[in-house]
Amino acid sequence: MDLVFTTEGLEPSKRYAAWQGAICDVYVNVDVNAEKRSDYQGFIREARFGPVTMTDVLLSEQRITRRERHIAKLDKDCYYVEFVQQGQVNVLQAGQTLHSNPAVGAIFSAAEAYDLECIGRVRSLYLEIPRKEFASRFNEHKIPVAATIATARGLGRIRALDRG
């Protein structure tokens, strides 16, 4: 994976602002709110596999918010599949709160408003799958907006192979 952003080497007072720009450049337009801005730490590594992008990300505690004004910028129409390696992320979308952690991943749509509550320091893998490719795997009326996926058993265990 290629390193596309890191706060390492940046003056601590500039890390949070740099992170806000990086997350919008790599993923989609969002607002980021972190209470501990003076010592923000994070990185993003990325690999592309045809239309699918995989990222490895380290996040400090924060809340990421995507609303209609972000979606209107027509940045990406995709789904994210999240595999938490360390920490916990609550995904709030479509009236649901999905609790993701190393045993439970989450799937959510970038075309719908959402909040990600990153609790503590979080390390996650994300698959970014274009909506068209994602939707082709489902019956037309069964495409989920947000869902959880077991990552401690079945096919979900594949992501655990890199967890030493």
Protein backbone atom coordinates (compact mmCIF):
# COMPACT_ATOMS: atom_id res chain seq x y z
CA MET A 1 0.00 0.00 0.00
CA ASP A 2 1.18 3.50 -0.76
CA LEU A 3 1.27 6.09 2.00
CA VAL A 4 -0.88 9.01 0.82
CA PHE A 5 -1.00 11.04 4.04
CA THR A 6 0.48 11.08 7.52
CA THR A 7 0.51 13.57 10.37
CA GLU A 8 3.99 12.35 11.32
CA GLY A 9 6.52 15.10 10.75
CA LEU A 10 3.91 17.87 10.87
CA GLU A 11 3.96 20.43 13.64
CA PRO A 12 1.33 19.25 16.19
CA SER A 13 -0.68 22.47 15.86
CA LYS A 14 -1.09 21.87 12.08
CA ARG A 15 -1.96 18.17 12.13
CA TYR A 16 -5.72 18.45 12.60
CA ALA A 17 -6.21 20.97 9.77
CA ALA A 18 -4.05 18.86 7.47
CA TRP A 19 -6.07 15.77 8.40
CA GLN A 20 -9.36 17.48 7.51
CA GLY A 21 -8.07 18.20 4.01
CA ALA A 22 -6.61 14.74 3.53
CA ILE A 23 -9.74 12.84 4.51
CA CYS A 24 -11.80 14.85 1.99
CA ASP A 25 -9.21 14.32 -0.74
CA VAL A 26 -8.91 10.55 -0.26
CA TYR A 27 -12.49 9.64 0.67
CA VAL A 28 -15.48 11.98 0.23
CA ASN A 29 -16.36 15.49 1.36
CA VAL A 30 -17.14 15.46 5.09
CA ASP A 31 -16.80 17.54 8.24
CA VAL A 32 -14.41 16.29 10.89
CA ASN A 33 -14.69 17.22 14.55
CA ALA A 34 -12.05 16.13 17.05
CA GLU A 35 -11.83 17.43 20.60
CA LYS A 36 -8.11 16.68 20.99
CA ARG A 37 -6.82 18.72 18.05
CA SER A 38 -3.47 19.75 19.51
CA ASP A 39 -1.95 16.26 19.18
CA TYR A 40 -3.91 14.71 16.34
CA GLN A 41 -2.38 11.55 14.85
CA GLY A 42 -3.36 9.72 11.71
CA PHE A 43 -2.31 8.22 8.41
CA ILE A 44 -3.88 6.87 5.24
CA ARG A 45 -2.39 4.16 3.02
CA GLU A 46 -4.04 3.24 -0.25
CA ALA A 47 -4.07 0.49 -2.89
CA ARG A 48 -6.25 0.28 -6.00
CA PHE A 49 -7.66 -2.88 -7.52
CA GLY A 50 -9.52 -1.90 -10.68
CA PRO A 51 -12.60 0.06 -9.59
CA VAL A 52 -12.11 -0.85 -5.90
CA THR A 53 -9.85 1.13 -3.58
CA MET A 54 -8.60 -0.25 -0.28
CA THR A 55 -7.30 2.04 2.45
CA ASP A 56 -5.59 1.39 5.75
CA VAL A 57 -6.27 4.29 8.08
CA LEU A 58 -5.30 5.34 11.59
CA LEU A 59 -7.65 7.87 13.20
CA SER A 60 -7.55 9.79 16.43
CA GLU A 61 -10.87 10.08 18.27
CA GLN A 62 -13.29 12.12 16.17
CA ARG A 63 -16.72 12.41 14.61
CA ILE A 64 -16.99 12.42 10.82
CA THR A 65 -20.18 13.87 9.36
CA ARG A 66 -21.53 13.69 5.81
CA ARG A 67 -24.68 15.65 4.96
CA GLU A 68 -26.68 16.66 1.88
CA ARG A 69 -24.40 19.66 1.24
CA HIS A 70 -21.43 17.28 0.99
CA ILE A 71 -23.29 14.78 -1.17
CA ALA A 72 -24.39 17.58 -3.54
CA LYS A 73 -20.73 18.10 -4.53
CA LEU A 74 -20.96 14.88 -6.57
CA ASP A 75 -17.59 13.58 -5.41
CA LYS A 76 -18.13 9.79 -5.30
CA ASP A 77 -21.11 7.47 -5.47
CA CYS A 78 -19.83 4.47 -3.59
CA TYR A 79 -20.19 2.14 -0.66
CA TYR A 80 -17.64 1.65 2.08
CA VAL A 81 -17.00 -1.70 3.72
CA GLU A 82 -15.22 -1.12 7.01
CA PHE A 83 -13.06 -3.66 8.85
CA VAL A 84 -11.97 -2.28 12.23
CA GLN A 85 -8.60 -3.61 13.35
CA GLN A 86 -8.36 -1.64 16.61
CA GLY A 87 -10.92 0.47 18.48
CA GLN A 88 -14.59 1.04 17.78
CA VAL A 89 -16.58 3.00 15.20
CA ASN A 90 -20.29 3.69 15.42
CA VAL A 91 -21.87 4.18 11.99
CA LEU A 92 -25.08 6.21 12.13
CA GLN A 93 -27.03 6.01 8.88
CA ALA A 94 -30.62 5.51 7.70
CA GLY A 95 -31.97 5.63 11.25
CA GLN A 96 -29.61 2.89 12.43
CA THR A 97 -26.59 2.84 14.70
CA LEU A 98 -24.15 0.13 13.67
CA HIS A 99 -21.46 -0.72 16.22
CA SER A 100 -18.31 -1.87 14.44
CA ASN A 101 -15.21 -3.30 16.09
CA PRO A 102 -12.68 -6.06 15.31
CA ALA A 103 -15.49 -8.68 15.38
CA VAL A 104 -18.14 -6.73 13.44
CA GLY A 105 -17.60 -4.67 10.29
CA ALA A 106 -19.94 -2.18 8.70
CA ILE A 107 -21.19 -1.36 5.22
CA PHE A 108 -22.47 2.15 4.50
CA SER A 109 -23.36 4.32 1.53
CA ALA A 110 -21.55 7.55 0.67
CA ALA A 111 -24.67 8.66 -1.25
CA GLU A 112 -26.67 8.97 2.00
CA ALA A 113 -26.02 11.17 5.03
CA TYR A 114 -24.04 9.50 7.82
CA ASP A 115 -21.97 10.01 10.96
CA LEU A 116 -18.94 7.98 12.00
CA GLU A 117 -18.13 8.14 15.71
CA CYS A 118 -14.53 7.02 16.12
CA ILE A 119 -14.12 6.07 19.76
CA GLY A 120 -10.54 6.39 20.95
CA ARG A 121 -7.73 5.60 18.56
CA VAL A 122 -9.02 3.57 15.60
CA ARG A 123 -7.25 1.55 12.92
CA SER A 124 -9.42 0.31 10.06
CA LEU A 125 -9.34 -1.10 6.57
CA TYR A 126 -11.87 0.34 4.14
CA LEU A 127 -12.96 -1.00 0.78
CA GLU A 128 -14.41 1.72 -1.43
CA ILE A 129 -16.68 0.06 -3.99
CA PRO A 130 -18.48 2.08 -6.69
CA ARG A 131 -22.26 1.91 -6.26
CA LYS A 132 -22.78 0.24 -9.65
CA GLU A 133 -20.41 -2.64 -8.82
CA PHE A 134 -21.79 -2.99 -5.28
CA ALA A 135 -25.44 -2.93 -6.42
CA SER A 136 -24.79 -5.57 -9.09
CA ARG A 137 -24.33 -8.11 -6.28
CA PHE A 138 -27.89 -7.65 -4.95
CA ASN A 139 -31.48 -8.02 -6.06
CA GLU A 140 -32.64 -4.57 -7.23
CA HIS A 141 -34.95 -4.12 -4.22
CA LYS A 142 -32.55 -5.55 -1.62
CA ILE A 143 -29.56 -3.18 -1.87
CA PRO A 144 -28.70 -2.19 1.72
CA VAL A 145 -27.98 1.39 2.71
CA ALA A 146 -26.15 0.32 5.87
CA ALA A 147 -25.50 -3.09 7.41
CA THR A 148 -23.11 -4.99 9.63
CA ILE A 149 -20.93 -7.91 8.61
CA ALA A 150 -19.52 -10.54 10.96
CA THR A 151 -15.74 -10.48 10.73
CA ALA A 152 -14.91 -13.09 13.35
CA ARG A 153 -16.37 -16.03 11.43
CA GLY A 154 -17.14 -17.19 7.90
CA LEU A 155 -15.79 -15.13 5.01
CA GLY A 156 -15.32 -12.16 7.37
CA ARG A 157 -12.34 -13.96 8.91
CA ILE A 158 -10.31 -13.28 5.75
CA ARG A 159 -9.58 -9.75 6.96
CA ALA A 160 -8.14 -11.19 10.17
CA LEU A 161 -5.22 -12.79 8.34
CA ASP A 162 -3.02 -9.70 8.75
CA ARG A 163 -3.62 -9.43 12.50
CA GLY A 164 -0.51 -11.34 13.64
